[in-house]
Amino acid sequence: MIEKKSERLFYRIKEVCDITGLKPHVLRYWEQEFKNIRPKKSPKGHRLYRKSDLETILKIKKLLYEDRFTIDGAKKYLASRKDILEDIKTDLEEILNILKKGEG
């Protein structure tokens, strides 16, 4: 699903566009519509997407473009799935990576 760049903690909007094939304005619109996508902001104000954001974007893209869901339908579908454990796992992996980098 996500290329070998998946070892990184954060991706800039251009990198997310390259990976997903989406335009920046689509990503910014989806940030407003889907509360699951919440990129952090760098000190310079650049959007920094986590791996979990990237996975969510790819899920939304599949729902909208392949499965032909509406925006509201995709929101309801994602809310009903409750991927809480997957999100927790991703966050813990990110924390573990940060801790490992601190040891070296």
N, C-alpha and C. Protein backbone atom coordinates (compact mmCIF):
# COMPACT_ATOMS: atom_id res chain seq x y z
N MET A 1 0.83 -1.18 0.00
CA MET A 1 0.00 0.00 0.00
C MET A 1 0.88 1.25 0.00
N ILE A 2 1.68 1.45 1.05
CA ILE A 2 2.58 2.59 1.13
C ILE A 2 3.98 2.11 0.78
N GLU A 3 4.66 2.89 -0.02
CA GLU A 3 5.96 2.50 -0.52
C GLU A 3 7.01 2.44 0.58
N LYS A 4 8.26 2.20 0.16
CA LYS A 4 9.35 2.05 1.12
C LYS A 4 9.59 3.30 1.95
N LYS A 5 9.01 4.42 1.59
CA LYS A 5 9.13 5.64 2.38
C LYS A 5 8.40 5.52 3.71
N SER A 6 7.70 4.39 3.92
CA SER A 6 6.85 4.23 5.11
C SER A 6 7.64 4.24 6.41
N GLU A 7 8.96 4.17 6.36
CA GLU A 7 9.77 4.22 7.56
C GLU A 7 9.82 5.62 8.16
N ARG A 8 9.42 6.62 7.40
CA ARG A 8 9.47 8.00 7.88
C ARG A 8 8.32 8.28 8.82
N LEU A 9 8.52 9.24 9.70
CA LEU A 9 7.48 9.63 10.64
C LEU A 9 6.51 10.64 10.04
N PHE A 10 7.02 11.56 9.22
CA PHE A 10 6.20 12.62 8.67
C PHE A 10 6.44 12.79 7.18
N TYR A 11 5.39 13.21 6.48
CA TYR A 11 5.45 13.47 5.03
C TYR A 11 4.91 14.87 4.77
N ARG A 12 5.54 15.58 3.86
CA ARG A 12 5.04 16.89 3.45
C ARG A 12 3.90 16.70 2.45
N ILE A 13 3.12 17.72 2.22
CA ILE A 13 1.94 17.61 1.37
C ILE A 13 2.31 17.15 -0.06
N LYS A 14 3.44 17.63 -0.58
CA LYS A 14 3.84 17.23 -1.94
C LYS A 14 4.13 15.73 -1.99
N GLU A 15 4.77 15.21 -0.95
CA GLU A 15 5.07 13.78 -0.90
C GLU A 15 3.78 12.96 -0.82
N VAL A 16 2.81 13.44 -0.04
CA VAL A 16 1.53 12.75 0.06
C VAL A 16 0.82 12.77 -1.29
N CYS A 17 0.90 13.89 -1.98
CA CYS A 17 0.31 14.00 -3.32
C CYS A 17 0.96 13.01 -4.29
N ASP A 18 2.28 12.90 -4.23
CA ASP A 18 3.00 11.97 -5.09
C ASP A 18 2.61 10.53 -4.82
N ILE A 19 2.48 10.18 -3.55
CA ILE A 19 2.16 8.80 -3.15
C ILE A 19 0.71 8.46 -3.50
N THR A 20 -0.22 9.39 -3.25
CA THR A 20 -1.64 9.10 -3.42
C THR A 20 -2.18 9.45 -4.80
N GLY A 21 -1.48 10.31 -5.52
CA GLY A 21 -1.99 10.76 -6.82
C GLY A 21 -3.08 11.82 -6.71
N LEU A 22 -3.18 12.44 -5.54
CA LEU A 22 -4.18 13.49 -5.32
C LEU A 22 -3.55 14.87 -5.42
N LYS A 23 -4.36 15.86 -5.67
CA LYS A 23 -3.88 17.25 -5.73
C LYS A 23 -3.93 17.86 -4.33
N PRO A 24 -3.07 18.86 -4.06
CA PRO A 24 -3.04 19.48 -2.73
C PRO A 24 -4.40 20.05 -2.29
N HIS A 25 -5.15 20.64 -3.21
CA HIS A 25 -6.44 21.22 -2.81
C HIS A 25 -7.42 20.13 -2.36
N VAL A 26 -7.30 18.92 -2.91
CA VAL A 26 -8.16 17.81 -2.50
C VAL A 26 -7.81 17.42 -1.06
N LEU A 27 -6.51 17.32 -0.77
CA LEU A 27 -6.09 16.97 0.59
C LEU A 27 -6.55 18.01 1.60
N ARG A 28 -6.41 19.28 1.26
CA ARG A 28 -6.84 20.34 2.18
C ARG A 28 -8.36 20.29 2.40
N TYR A 29 -9.11 19.99 1.34
CA TYR A 29 -10.57 19.86 1.47
C TYR A 29 -10.91 18.67 2.37
N TRP A 30 -10.25 17.55 2.15
CA TRP A 30 -10.52 16.35 2.96
C TRP A 30 -10.17 16.60 4.42
N GLU A 31 -9.17 17.41 4.70
CA GLU A 31 -8.84 17.75 6.10
C GLU A 31 -10.02 18.41 6.78
N GLN A 32 -10.76 19.23 6.03
CA GLN A 32 -11.93 19.91 6.58
C GLN A 32 -13.09 18.94 6.78
N GLU A 33 -13.22 17.98 5.88
CA GLU A 33 -14.36 17.07 5.88
C GLU A 33 -14.20 15.86 6.80
N PHE A 34 -12.98 15.33 6.91
CA PHE A 34 -12.73 14.11 7.66
C PHE A 34 -11.86 14.43 8.88
N LYS A 35 -12.42 14.22 10.07
CA LYS A 35 -11.67 14.54 11.28
C LYS A 35 -10.53 13.56 11.53
N ASN A 36 -10.48 12.45 10.78
CA ASN A 36 -9.39 11.47 10.92
C ASN A 36 -8.08 12.00 10.35
N ILE A 37 -8.14 12.99 9.48
CA ILE A 37 -6.93 13.55 8.87
C ILE A 37 -6.59 14.85 9.58
N ARG A 38 -5.56 14.82 10.38
CA ARG A 38 -5.14 16.00 11.12
C ARG A 38 -3.62 16.13 11.06
N PRO A 39 -3.09 16.69 9.96
CA PRO A 39 -1.63 16.84 9.91
C PRO A 39 -1.15 17.85 10.94
N LYS A 40 0.04 17.62 11.43
CA LYS A 40 0.66 18.59 12.33
C LYS A 40 1.21 19.72 11.47
N LYS A 41 1.51 20.82 12.10
CA LYS A 41 2.11 21.96 11.38
C LYS A 41 3.54 22.14 11.87
N SER A 42 4.44 22.34 10.91
CA SER A 42 5.83 22.61 11.27
C SER A 42 5.92 24.04 11.79
N PRO A 43 7.06 24.40 12.39
CA PRO A 43 7.21 25.80 12.85
C PRO A 43 7.00 26.82 11.72
N LYS A 44 7.26 26.41 10.48
CA LYS A 44 7.07 27.31 9.34
C LYS A 44 5.65 27.23 8.78
N GLY A 45 4.80 26.40 9.38
CA GLY A 45 3.42 26.31 8.94
C GLY A 45 3.15 25.26 7.88
N HIS A 46 4.14 24.43 7.54
CA HIS A 46 3.95 23.37 6.55
C HIS A 46 3.18 22.22 7.17
N ARG A 47 2.32 21.59 6.38
CA ARG A 47 1.59 20.42 6.85
C ARG A 47 2.54 19.22 6.91
N LEU A 48 2.48 18.49 8.02
CA LEU A 48 3.27 17.28 8.19
C LEU A 48 2.32 16.13 8.50
N TYR A 49 2.17 15.24 7.52
CA TYR A 49 1.25 14.11 7.66
C TYR A 49 1.98 12.92 8.26
N ARG A 50 1.30 12.23 9.19
CA ARG A 50 1.85 11.00 9.78
C ARG A 50 1.48 9.83 8.88
N LYS A 51 2.09 8.69 9.17
CA LYS A 51 1.79 7.47 8.42
C LYS A 51 0.30 7.14 8.54
N SER A 52 -0.27 7.32 9.72
CA SER A 52 -1.70 7.03 9.91
C SER A 52 -2.58 7.96 9.07
N ASP A 53 -2.16 9.23 8.91
CA ASP A 53 -2.89 10.15 8.04
C ASP A 53 -2.85 9.64 6.60
N LEU A 54 -1.68 9.20 6.18
CA LEU A 54 -1.50 8.70 4.83
C LEU A 54 -2.37 7.47 4.58
N GLU A 55 -2.43 6.56 5.54
CA GLU A 55 -3.27 5.37 5.40
C GLU A 55 -4.74 5.75 5.34
N THR A 56 -5.15 6.72 6.14
CA THR A 56 -6.54 7.19 6.12
C THR A 56 -6.87 7.83 4.77
N ILE A 57 -5.96 8.62 4.25
CA ILE A 57 -6.17 9.27 2.94
C ILE A 57 -6.35 8.21 1.86
N LEU A 58 -5.54 7.16 1.91
CA LEU A 58 -5.66 6.09 0.92
C LEU A 58 -6.99 5.34 1.07
N LYS A 59 -7.46 5.16 2.31
CA LYS A 59 -8.77 4.52 2.54
C LYS A 59 -9.88 5.39 1.95
N ILE A 60 -9.81 6.69 2.24
CA ILE A 60 -10.84 7.62 1.75
C ILE A 60 -10.83 7.65 0.22
N LYS A 61 -9.66 7.69 -0.37
CA LYS A 61 -9.55 7.70 -1.83
C LYS A 61 -10.23 6.46 -2.42
N LYS A 62 -9.98 5.30 -1.82
CA LYS A 62 -10.61 4.06 -2.30
C LYS A 62 -12.12 4.13 -2.17
N LEU A 63 -12.59 4.60 -1.01
CA LEU A 63 -14.04 4.69 -0.80
C LEU A 63 -14.70 5.63 -1.81
N LEU A 64 -14.08 6.77 -2.06
CA LEU A 64 -14.69 7.76 -2.94
C LEU A 64 -14.53 7.42 -4.42
N TYR A 65 -13.34 7.02 -4.82
CA TYR A 65 -13.05 6.86 -6.25
C TYR A 65 -13.32 5.46 -6.78
N GLU A 66 -13.10 4.43 -5.96
CA GLU A 66 -13.31 3.06 -6.43
C GLU A 66 -14.68 2.53 -6.02
N ASP A 67 -15.04 2.72 -4.75
CA ASP A 67 -16.30 2.18 -4.24
C ASP A 67 -17.47 3.14 -4.48
N ARG A 68 -17.18 4.35 -4.97
CA ARG A 68 -18.18 5.34 -5.36
C ARG A 68 -19.06 5.84 -4.20
N PHE A 69 -18.47 5.92 -3.01
CA PHE A 69 -19.18 6.49 -1.85
C PHE A 69 -19.28 8.00 -2.04
N THR A 70 -20.27 8.62 -1.42
CA THR A 70 -20.32 10.08 -1.31
C THR A 70 -19.42 10.46 -0.13
N ILE A 71 -19.16 11.74 0.03
CA ILE A 71 -18.38 12.20 1.18
C ILE A 71 -19.08 11.79 2.48
N ASP A 72 -20.38 12.05 2.56
CA ASP A 72 -21.13 11.68 3.77
C ASP A 72 -21.13 10.17 3.99
N GLY A 73 -21.27 9.41 2.92
CA GLY A 73 -21.24 7.95 3.03
C GLY A 73 -19.90 7.45 3.53
N ALA A 74 -18.81 8.04 3.04
CA ALA A 74 -17.47 7.65 3.48
C ALA A 74 -17.27 8.01 4.95
N LYS A 75 -17.77 9.17 5.37
CA LYS A 75 -17.66 9.57 6.78
C LYS A 75 -18.37 8.56 7.68
N LYS A 76 -19.60 8.19 7.29
CA LYS A 76 -20.37 7.22 8.09
C LYS A 76 -19.68 5.86 8.11
N TYR A 77 -19.15 5.44 6.98
CA TYR A 77 -18.46 4.16 6.90
C TYR A 77 -17.24 4.14 7.82
N LEU A 78 -16.44 5.19 7.75
CA LEU A 78 -15.24 5.26 8.59
C LEU A 78 -15.61 5.32 10.07
N ALA A 79 -16.66 6.05 10.40
CA ALA A 79 -17.08 6.16 11.79
C ALA A 79 -17.57 4.81 12.31
N SER A 80 -18.20 4.04 11.45
CA SER A 80 -18.73 2.75 11.89
C SER A 80 -17.64 1.70 12.05
N ARG A 81 -16.53 1.87 11.39
CA ARG A 81 -15.46 0.87 11.43
C ARG A 81 -14.64 0.93 12.71
N LYS A 82 -14.53 2.11 13.28
CA LYS A 82 -13.82 2.27 14.55
C LYS A 82 -12.45 1.60 14.54
N ASP A 83 -11.56 2.12 13.73
CA ASP A 83 -10.21 1.57 13.63
C ASP A 83 -9.34 2.04 14.80
N ILE A 84 -9.89 2.04 15.98
CA ILE A 84 -9.18 2.56 17.15
C ILE A 84 -7.90 1.77 17.41
N LEU A 85 -7.99 0.46 17.40
CA LEU A 85 -6.80 -0.36 17.69
C LEU A 85 -5.71 -0.13 16.67
N GLU A 86 -6.08 0.03 15.40
CA GLU A 86 -5.09 0.26 14.36
C GLU A 86 -4.41 1.61 14.57
N ASP A 87 -5.18 2.63 14.94
CA ASP A 87 -4.62 3.96 15.19
C ASP A 87 -3.69 3.93 16.40
N ILE A 88 -4.09 3.22 17.46
CA ILE A 88 -3.25 3.11 18.65
C ILE A 88 -1.95 2.40 18.30
N LYS A 89 -2.04 1.34 17.54
CA LYS A 89 -0.86 0.59 17.13
C LYS A 89 0.11 1.49 16.35
N THR A 90 -0.43 2.25 15.40
CA THR A 90 0.41 3.15 14.60
C THR A 90 1.08 4.20 15.48
N ASP A 91 0.31 4.78 16.40
CA ASP A 91 0.88 5.79 17.30
C ASP A 91 1.97 5.20 18.18
N LEU A 92 1.75 3.98 18.69
CA LEU A 92 2.76 3.32 19.52
C LEU A 92 4.03 3.01 18.72
N GLU A 93 3.85 2.61 17.46
CA GLU A 93 5.01 2.36 16.61
C GLU A 93 5.81 3.64 16.38
N GLU A 94 5.10 4.75 16.19
CA GLU A 94 5.77 6.04 16.02
C GLU A 94 6.54 6.42 17.28
N ILE A 95 5.94 6.21 18.44
CA ILE A 95 6.62 6.51 19.70
C ILE A 95 7.84 5.63 19.87
N LEU A 96 7.71 4.34 19.54
CA LEU A 96 8.83 3.41 19.63
C LEU A 96 9.97 3.85 18.72
N ASN A 97 9.65 4.28 17.51
CA ASN A 97 10.68 4.76 16.58
C ASN A 97 11.40 5.99 17.14
N ILE A 98 10.64 6.89 17.74
CA ILE A 98 11.23 8.09 18.34
C ILE A 98 12.17 7.70 19.48
N LEU A 99 11.71 6.77 20.31
CA LEU A 99 12.54 6.31 21.45
C LEU A 99 13.79 5.61 20.96
N LYS A 100 13.69 4.81 19.91
CA LYS A 100 14.86 4.12 19.37
C LYS A 100 15.88 5.11 18.83
N LYS A 101 15.41 6.16 18.18
CA LYS A 101 16.32 7.18 17.65
C LYS A 101 17.02 7.92 18.77
N GLY A 102 16.34 8.06 19.90
CA GLY A 102 16.93 8.74 21.06
C GLY A 102 18.02 7.93 21.72
N GLU A 103 17.98 6.60 21.59
CA GLU A 103 18.99 5.72 22.19
C GLU A 103 20.31 5.75 21.43
N GLY A 104 20.23 5.94 20.13
CA GLY A 104 21.41 5.82 19.27
C GLY A 104 22.24 7.00 19.21
